[in-house]
N, C-alpha and C. Protein backbone atom coordinates (compact mmCIF):
# COMPACT_ATOMS: atom_id res chain seq x y z
N MET A 1 0.87 -1.36 -0.21
CA MET A 1 0.10 0.17 -0.16
C MET A 1 0.93 1.47 0.01
N LEU A 2 0.45 2.40 0.59
CA LEU A 2 1.06 3.61 0.37
C LEU A 2 1.93 3.57 1.68
N LYS A 3 3.19 4.40 1.35
CA LYS A 3 4.17 4.12 2.40
C LYS A 3 4.23 5.79 3.28
N PHE A 4 4.46 6.54 2.32
CA PHE A 4 4.50 8.18 2.83
C PHE A 4 4.60 9.23 1.49
N VAL A 5 4.67 10.33 1.81
CA VAL A 5 4.43 11.26 0.80
C VAL A 5 5.74 11.41 0.20
N ASP A 6 5.89 11.22 -1.00
CA ASP A 6 7.17 11.16 -1.74
C ASP A 6 7.51 12.58 -2.32
N HIS A 7 6.51 13.25 -2.98
CA HIS A 7 6.86 14.64 -3.62
C HIS A 7 5.55 15.18 -3.93
N ILE A 8 5.81 16.70 -4.12
CA ILE A 8 4.64 17.31 -4.32
C ILE A 8 4.98 18.17 -5.48
N ASP A 9 4.38 17.93 -6.76
CA ASP A 9 4.69 18.68 -8.01
C ASP A 9 4.00 19.88 -8.28
N MET A 10 4.80 21.13 -8.45
CA MET A 10 4.20 22.41 -8.42
C MET A 10 4.38 23.24 -9.85
N LEU A 11 3.78 23.87 -10.06
CA LEU A 11 3.84 25.06 -11.20
C LEU A 11 4.07 26.36 -10.43
N VAL A 12 4.93 27.08 -10.62
CA VAL A 12 5.33 28.27 -10.01
C VAL A 12 5.64 29.35 -11.38
N GLU A 13 5.04 30.50 -11.11
CA GLU A 13 5.14 31.89 -12.15
C GLU A 13 6.86 32.13 -12.30
N ASP A 14 7.49 32.18 -11.13
CA ASP A 14 8.89 32.38 -11.21
C ASP A 14 9.93 31.41 -10.32
N LEU A 15 10.17 30.69 -11.47
CA LEU A 15 11.12 29.30 -10.77
C LEU A 15 12.09 30.01 -9.84
N GLU A 16 13.15 30.55 -10.49
CA GLU A 16 14.15 31.02 -9.76
C GLU A 16 13.73 31.62 -8.35
N ALA A 17 12.92 32.70 -8.30
CA ALA A 17 12.28 33.21 -7.26
C ALA A 17 11.82 32.05 -6.08
N GLU A 18 11.13 31.33 -6.62
CA GLU A 18 10.74 30.29 -5.71
C GLU A 18 11.75 29.66 -4.89
N VAL A 19 12.86 29.19 -5.86
CA VAL A 19 14.06 28.42 -5.33
C VAL A 19 14.78 29.34 -4.45
N GLU A 20 15.03 30.61 -4.54
CA GLU A 20 15.47 31.42 -3.91
C GLU A 20 14.62 31.55 -2.50
N PHE A 21 13.56 31.71 -2.28
CA PHE A 21 12.50 31.65 -1.21
C PHE A 21 12.78 30.59 -0.45
N LEU A 22 12.72 29.25 -0.90
CA LEU A 22 12.57 27.82 -0.24
C LEU A 22 14.01 27.91 0.30
N GLU A 23 15.03 28.22 -0.41
CA GLU A 23 16.35 28.11 0.29
C GLU A 23 16.44 29.12 1.53
N ASN A 24 16.06 30.20 1.23
CA ASN A 24 15.76 31.07 2.64
C ASN A 24 15.07 30.70 3.67
N LEU A 25 14.07 29.50 3.36
CA LEU A 25 13.55 28.91 4.35
C LEU A 25 14.15 27.79 5.06
N GLY A 26 15.50 27.09 4.38
CA GLY A 26 16.39 26.05 4.60
C GLY A 26 16.17 24.86 3.76
N PHE A 27 15.52 25.03 2.71
CA PHE A 27 15.47 23.77 1.91
C PHE A 27 16.66 23.72 0.95
N ILE A 28 17.09 22.72 0.44
CA ILE A 28 18.27 22.57 -0.58
C ILE A 28 17.86 21.92 -1.69
N ILE A 29 18.53 22.42 -2.66
CA ILE A 29 18.40 21.87 -3.84
C ILE A 29 18.91 20.18 -4.14
N LYS A 30 18.10 19.40 -4.41
CA LYS A 30 18.43 18.01 -4.32
C LYS A 30 18.96 17.74 -5.94
N ARG A 31 18.35 18.38 -6.65
CA ARG A 31 18.83 18.35 -8.42
C ARG A 31 18.07 18.93 -9.20
N ARG A 32 18.39 19.73 -10.21
CA ARG A 32 17.80 20.33 -11.55
C ARG A 32 17.59 19.61 -12.57
N LEU A 33 16.58 19.39 -13.14
CA LEU A 33 16.16 18.43 -14.27
C LEU A 33 15.96 19.09 -15.65
N PRO A 34 16.83 19.43 -16.28
CA PRO A 34 16.71 20.28 -17.33
C PRO A 34 15.91 19.41 -18.61
N ASP A 35 16.04 18.11 -18.57
CA ASP A 35 15.31 17.33 -19.48
C ASP A 35 13.97 16.84 -18.89
N HIS A 36 13.39 17.51 -17.68
CA HIS A 36 12.24 17.31 -17.44
C HIS A 36 11.51 18.62 -16.94
N GLY A 37 11.27 19.47 -18.11
CA GLY A 37 10.56 20.76 -17.84
C GLY A 37 11.52 21.75 -17.09
N ASN A 38 12.77 21.78 -16.97
CA ASN A 38 13.42 22.52 -16.27
C ASN A 38 13.15 22.38 -14.76
N ALA A 39 12.82 21.19 -14.23
CA ALA A 39 11.94 21.20 -13.06
C ALA A 39 13.35 21.27 -12.08
N VAL A 40 13.01 21.76 -10.89
CA VAL A 40 13.93 21.72 -9.72
C VAL A 40 13.40 21.28 -8.41
N GLU A 41 14.13 20.17 -7.94
CA GLU A 41 13.70 19.28 -6.89
C GLU A 41 14.35 19.68 -5.58
N MET A 42 13.38 20.18 -4.41
CA MET A 42 14.14 20.53 -3.07
C MET A 42 13.58 19.96 -2.18
N GLN A 43 14.21 19.96 -1.16
CA GLN A 43 13.72 19.36 0.27
C GLN A 43 14.57 19.83 1.40
N LEU A 44 13.79 19.62 2.27
CA LEU A 44 14.55 20.27 3.87
C LEU A 44 15.39 19.10 4.16
N PRO A 45 16.77 19.75 4.67
CA PRO A 45 17.62 18.70 5.38
C PRO A 45 17.23 17.52 6.00
N GLY A 46 17.99 16.21 6.00
CA GLY A 46 17.54 15.09 6.84
C GLY A 46 16.76 14.02 6.07
N GLU A 47 16.70 12.71 6.58
CA GLU A 47 16.17 11.72 5.92
C GLU A 47 14.78 12.02 5.61
N ASN A 48 14.23 11.33 4.68
CA ASN A 48 12.91 10.85 4.37
C ASN A 48 11.93 12.36 4.14
N GLN A 49 12.52 13.30 3.95
CA GLN A 49 11.87 14.48 3.54
C GLN A 49 11.24 14.74 2.34
N VAL A 50 9.66 15.31 2.41
CA VAL A 50 9.18 15.23 0.89
C VAL A 50 9.95 16.05 0.13
N VAL A 51 9.94 15.77 -1.08
CA VAL A 51 10.63 16.27 -2.28
C VAL A 51 9.52 17.58 -3.00
N PHE A 52 9.92 18.82 -3.04
CA PHE A 52 9.04 19.71 -3.67
C PHE A 52 9.76 19.85 -5.01
N GLU A 53 8.85 19.17 -6.27
CA GLU A 53 9.16 19.45 -7.67
C GLU A 53 8.79 20.60 -8.17
N MET A 54 9.35 21.53 -8.53
CA MET A 54 8.59 22.69 -9.08
C MET A 54 9.36 23.12 -10.73
N ARG A 55 8.51 23.52 -11.27
CA ARG A 55 8.77 24.07 -12.94
C ARG A 55 7.90 25.24 -13.03
N ALA A 56 8.19 26.08 -14.20
CA ALA A 56 7.95 27.30 -14.32
C ALA A 56 6.43 27.14 -14.99
N SER A 57 5.24 27.84 -14.54
CA SER A 57 4.11 27.42 -15.14
C SER A 57 3.62 27.97 -16.37
N GLY A 58 4.59 28.60 -16.96
CA GLY A 58 4.34 29.02 -18.43
C GLY A 58 2.85 29.75 -18.65
N ASP A 59 1.93 29.25 -19.45
CA ASP A 59 0.73 29.58 -19.76
C ASP A 59 -0.19 29.02 -18.80
N LYS A 60 0.46 28.04 -18.01
CA LYS A 60 -0.68 27.26 -17.46
C LYS A 60 -0.77 28.03 -15.83
N ALA A 61 -1.87 27.60 -15.22
CA ALA A 61 -2.20 28.52 -13.70
C ALA A 61 -1.19 27.92 -12.87
N PRO A 62 -0.43 28.61 -12.22
CA PRO A 62 0.33 28.15 -11.02
C PRO A 62 -0.37 27.19 -9.96
N GLY A 63 0.05 26.34 -9.10
CA GLY A 63 -0.32 25.77 -8.03
C GLY A 63 0.03 24.31 -8.31
N ILE A 64 -0.26 23.48 -7.15
CA ILE A 64 0.07 22.06 -7.21
C ILE A 64 -0.48 21.22 -8.27
N ARG A 65 0.30 20.61 -8.92
CA ARG A 65 -0.15 19.31 -9.89
C ARG A 65 -0.65 18.10 -9.48
N HIS A 66 0.02 17.62 -8.35
CA HIS A 66 -0.21 16.43 -8.05
C HIS A 66 0.87 16.33 -6.56
N ILE A 67 0.13 15.57 -5.71
CA ILE A 67 1.13 14.81 -4.87
C ILE A 67 1.24 13.41 -4.93
N ALA A 68 2.43 12.93 -4.87
CA ALA A 68 2.86 11.84 -5.02
C ALA A 68 2.84 10.83 -3.69
N PHE A 69 2.99 9.45 -3.73
CA PHE A 69 2.90 8.70 -2.82
C PHE A 69 3.79 7.52 -3.25
N ARG A 70 4.99 7.14 -2.27
CA ARG A 70 5.58 6.24 -2.31
C ARG A 70 5.07 5.05 -1.97
N VAL A 71 5.08 4.11 -3.06
CA VAL A 71 4.20 2.58 -2.71
C VAL A 71 5.25 1.66 -2.36
N GLU A 72 4.47 0.65 -1.33
CA GLU A 72 5.26 -0.65 -0.93
C GLU A 72 5.91 -1.28 -1.89
N ASP A 73 5.25 -1.57 -3.04
CA ASP A 73 6.08 -2.59 -4.07
C ASP A 73 5.26 -2.27 -5.27
N GLU A 74 5.59 -2.94 -6.30
CA GLU A 74 5.17 -3.17 -7.76
C GLU A 74 3.76 -3.55 -7.89
N HIS A 75 3.41 -4.40 -6.73
CA HIS A 75 1.76 -4.67 -6.80
C HIS A 75 0.63 -3.67 -6.10
N THR A 76 0.84 -2.73 -6.03
CA THR A 76 0.22 -1.83 -5.12
C THR A 76 -1.01 -1.30 -6.29
N VAL A 77 -0.36 -0.96 -7.38
CA VAL A 77 -1.46 -0.55 -8.65
C VAL A 77 -2.40 -1.66 -8.60
N ASP A 78 -2.06 -2.50 -8.71
CA ASP A 78 -2.93 -4.04 -9.18
C ASP A 78 -3.91 -4.08 -8.00
N GLU A 79 -3.39 -4.01 -6.61
CA GLU A 79 -4.42 -4.14 -5.47
C GLU A 79 -5.12 -3.07 -5.49
N LEU A 80 -5.11 -1.78 -5.79
CA LEU A 80 -5.78 -0.61 -6.01
C LEU A 80 -6.83 -0.68 -6.98
N LYS A 81 -6.19 -1.08 -8.02
CA LYS A 81 -7.35 -1.40 -9.23
C LYS A 81 -8.29 -2.55 -8.74
N ALA A 82 -8.09 -3.68 -8.06
CA ALA A 82 -8.92 -4.47 -7.56
C ALA A 82 -9.94 -3.87 -6.41
N ASN A 83 -9.74 -2.80 -5.95
CA ASN A 83 -10.62 -1.96 -4.96
C ASN A 83 -11.17 -1.15 -6.20
N GLY A 84 -11.16 -0.85 -7.27
CA GLY A 84 -12.30 -0.02 -7.84
C GLY A 84 -11.32 1.20 -8.56
N VAL A 85 -10.05 1.60 -7.89
CA VAL A 85 -9.34 2.38 -8.31
C VAL A 85 -9.17 2.33 -9.63
N VAL A 86 -9.42 3.41 -10.57
CA VAL A 86 -8.99 3.60 -12.17
C VAL A 86 -8.08 4.51 -12.35
N PHE A 87 -6.84 4.07 -12.88
CA PHE A 87 -5.60 4.99 -13.19
C PHE A 87 -5.72 5.43 -14.73
N ARG A 88 -5.16 6.72 -14.68
CA ARG A 88 -4.91 7.49 -15.96
C ARG A 88 -4.00 6.98 -16.88
N THR A 89 -2.69 6.66 -15.96
CA THR A 89 -1.58 5.94 -16.34
C THR A 89 -0.89 5.21 -15.44
N GLU A 90 -0.39 3.92 -15.96
CA GLU A 90 0.07 2.88 -15.09
C GLU A 90 1.53 2.51 -15.16
N ASN A 91 2.42 2.54 -14.20
CA ASN A 91 3.74 1.82 -14.28
C ASN A 91 4.61 2.44 -15.25
N ARG A 92 4.56 3.82 -15.49
CA ARG A 92 5.27 4.52 -16.74
C ARG A 92 6.74 5.06 -16.07
N PHE A 93 7.68 4.49 -16.77
CA PHE A 93 8.89 5.00 -16.15
C PHE A 93 9.19 6.32 -16.68
N VAL A 94 9.94 7.40 -15.91
CA VAL A 94 10.06 8.49 -16.10
C VAL A 94 11.64 8.78 -16.18
N PRO A 95 12.68 8.68 -17.06
CA PRO A 95 14.01 8.80 -17.01
C PRO A 95 14.55 9.84 -16.32
N ALA A 96 14.04 10.77 -16.38
CA ALA A 96 14.69 12.23 -15.90
C ALA A 96 14.85 12.01 -14.35
N THR A 97 13.71 11.32 -13.69
CA THR A 97 13.63 11.22 -12.15
C THR A 97 13.97 9.98 -12.07
N GLY A 98 13.89 8.95 -12.66
CA GLY A 98 14.25 7.68 -12.18
C GLY A 98 12.99 6.61 -11.71
N ARG A 99 12.00 7.52 -11.31
CA ARG A 99 10.67 7.10 -11.02
C ARG A 99 9.91 6.32 -11.77
N THR A 100 9.19 5.27 -11.32
CA THR A 100 8.31 4.72 -11.92
C THR A 100 6.81 5.39 -11.48
N VAL A 101 5.89 5.67 -12.22
CA VAL A 101 4.90 6.63 -11.84
C VAL A 101 3.41 6.11 -12.43
N SER A 102 2.43 5.92 -11.57
CA SER A 102 1.13 5.59 -12.03
C SER A 102 0.15 7.21 -11.49
N ASN A 103 -0.54 7.39 -12.56
CA ASN A 103 -1.54 8.55 -11.93
C ASN A 103 -3.08 8.33 -11.92
N VAL A 104 -3.49 8.98 -11.12
CA VAL A 104 -5.04 8.65 -10.82
C VAL A 104 -5.66 10.03 -10.55
N ASN A 105 -7.15 10.06 -10.86
CA ASN A 105 -7.51 11.66 -10.17
C ASN A 105 -8.68 10.90 -9.58
N ASP A 106 -9.13 12.07 -8.64
CA ASP A 106 -9.72 11.63 -7.57
C ASP A 106 -11.25 12.10 -8.03
N PRO A 107 -12.44 11.73 -7.45
CA PRO A 107 -14.06 12.23 -7.87
C PRO A 107 -13.92 13.77 -8.14
N ASN A 108 -13.22 14.61 -7.49
CA ASN A 108 -13.16 15.92 -7.60
C ASN A 108 -12.09 16.59 -8.68
N GLY A 109 -11.28 15.68 -9.33
CA GLY A 109 -10.54 16.10 -10.40
C GLY A 109 -9.07 16.16 -9.98
N ASN A 110 -8.56 16.04 -8.63
CA ASN A 110 -7.44 16.24 -8.35
C ASN A 110 -6.59 15.19 -8.63
N SER A 111 -5.22 15.55 -9.24
CA SER A 111 -4.24 14.46 -9.56
C SER A 111 -3.53 13.93 -8.31
N TRP A 112 -3.65 12.53 -8.08
CA TRP A 112 -2.74 11.95 -7.40
C TRP A 112 -1.70 10.95 -8.21
N GLN A 113 -0.54 10.86 -7.51
CA GLN A 113 0.41 9.96 -8.34
C GLN A 113 0.84 9.03 -7.06
N LEU A 114 1.26 7.54 -7.99
CA LEU A 114 2.22 6.63 -6.78
C LEU A 114 3.52 6.32 -7.49
N THR A 115 4.60 6.17 -6.99
CA THR A 115 6.07 6.03 -7.34
C THR A 115 6.60 4.90 -6.58
N ASP A 116 7.42 4.43 -7.26
CA ASP A 116 8.28 3.37 -6.49
C ASP A 116 9.75 3.75 -7.09
């Protein structure tokens, strides 16, 4: 099943201003992903901290794109599908991040992601 919040994916109007703001709060840059929409991953120091993955919003509205949960194992998607969860994408490998992701929308249209 779900283990913990892995990352929160956000669109921001001014990426570098957001990076500077979060650095001032004590966040550190985990990595920059030029091949993944120029995303920047940041997190607080320490183990098992949530990653904030940010990219410039461009012509889209800024805000949270999705919240991602780390899953126990590769069978979690199948278990959730057996419970009636319908996924938009399943077990898609993202080379830029090294994550395998599955995406689902809740009844209100919010996007959720599972990753391992």
